[in-house]
Amino acid sequence: MIQMNITNSCINCGACAYVCPAKAILQPKKSWRIKNESFKPLSSSHFFIVPQICNQCKGFNTIQCIEICPMNAINTEINHYDIIN
């Protein structure tokens, strides 16, 4: 599984959140809910991607947030643990 991360290079312009089709990118300090469970923010300094919501832009040819980010602040990482198990 691929994990999406926003780095400290983020300038909080919000472009990524605007184009995210899954609405998986939230503002700093923003908590969120899935079903009836609340979660704390993953960052207090910059936008962040909620891994439980992000679907890596399934159905698109490119990952939208990576394409629009002016700072190249969004990275992908392969979670090798998920691949093995």
Protein backbone atom coordinates (compact mmCIF):
# COMPACT_ATOMS: atom_id res chain seq x y z
CA MET A 1 0.00 0.00 0.00
CA ILE A 2 1.20 3.51 -0.78
CA GLN A 3 1.16 6.10 1.99
CA MET A 4 0.91 9.79 1.12
CA ASN A 5 2.73 12.36 3.26
CA ILE A 6 2.93 16.14 3.26
CA THR A 7 6.36 17.37 4.31
CA ASN A 8 7.48 20.45 6.24
CA SER A 9 8.04 22.16 2.86
CA CYS A 10 4.28 22.76 2.78
CA ILE A 11 3.37 26.48 2.71
CA ASN A 12 -0.29 25.83 3.62
CA CYS A 13 -1.65 27.20 0.35
CA GLY A 14 -4.48 24.64 0.41
CA ALA A 15 -4.29 23.74 -3.28
CA CYS A 16 -3.93 20.05 -2.46
CA ALA A 17 -7.03 20.01 -0.27
CA TYR A 18 -9.00 21.82 -2.96
CA VAL A 19 -8.23 19.22 -5.66
CA CYS A 20 -8.44 16.08 -3.49
CA PRO A 21 -11.37 14.02 -4.84
CA ALA A 22 -11.58 11.99 -1.60
CA LYS A 23 -11.42 15.07 0.67
CA ALA A 24 -8.59 13.32 2.52
CA ILE A 25 -6.43 16.43 3.01
CA LEU A 26 -7.18 18.53 6.06
CA GLN A 27 -5.98 21.81 7.51
CA PRO A 28 -3.45 21.89 10.33
CA LYS A 29 -4.93 21.16 13.77
CA LYS A 30 -8.12 19.76 12.19
CA SER A 31 -9.56 16.65 13.83
CA TRP A 32 -11.75 14.28 11.85
CA ARG A 33 -14.27 11.47 12.22
CA ILE A 34 -14.68 8.14 10.50
CA LYS A 35 -17.95 6.45 11.31
CA ASN A 36 -18.39 7.36 14.98
CA GLU A 37 -14.71 7.50 15.90
CA SER A 38 -12.86 10.80 16.35
CA PHE A 39 -9.19 11.25 15.48
CA LYS A 40 -6.68 13.90 16.47
CA PRO A 41 -4.87 16.02 13.86
CA LEU A 42 -1.78 14.48 12.27
CA SER A 43 -0.09 17.90 12.04
CA SER A 44 -0.40 21.21 13.82
CA SER A 45 1.87 23.08 11.41
CA HIS A 46 0.79 22.11 7.88
CA PHE A 47 -1.93 20.36 5.89
CA PHE A 48 -1.98 16.57 6.28
CA ILE A 49 -3.38 13.55 4.47
CA VAL A 50 -5.67 11.17 6.34
CA PRO A 51 -4.50 7.70 5.28
CA GLN A 52 -7.84 6.08 6.14
CA ILE A 53 -9.58 8.34 3.60
CA CYS A 54 -6.94 8.78 0.86
CA ASN A 55 -7.38 6.42 -2.10
CA GLN A 56 -4.37 7.70 -4.10
CA CYS A 57 -6.79 9.25 -6.63
CA LYS A 58 -8.23 5.96 -7.80
CA GLY A 59 -9.74 6.48 -11.23
CA PHE A 60 -7.37 9.33 -12.14
CA ASN A 61 -4.21 9.09 -14.24
CA THR A 62 -2.19 11.08 -11.70
CA ILE A 63 -2.29 11.81 -8.00
CA GLN A 64 -3.97 15.20 -7.96
CA CYS A 65 -2.33 16.69 -4.86
CA ILE A 66 1.17 15.84 -6.10
CA GLU A 67 0.42 17.42 -9.47
CA ILE A 68 -0.79 20.73 -8.01
CA CYS A 69 1.59 21.26 -5.09
CA PRO A 70 3.80 24.28 -5.88
CA MET A 71 6.42 23.22 -3.32
CA ASN A 72 6.67 19.50 -4.21
CA ALA A 73 5.84 18.89 -0.57
CA ILE A 74 3.86 15.68 -1.05
CA ASN A 75 5.67 12.35 -1.04
CA THR A 76 4.61 8.77 -1.47
CA GLU A 77 6.01 5.88 0.52
CA ILE A 78 5.40 2.18 0.08
CA ASN A 79 4.35 0.49 3.29
CA HIS A 80 6.37 -2.71 3.00
CA TYR A 81 4.68 -4.21 6.06
CA ASP A 82 1.31 -4.22 4.24
CA ILE A 83 2.88 -5.87 1.19
CA ILE A 84 4.46 -8.68 3.23
CA ASN A 85 1.31 -9.40 5.20
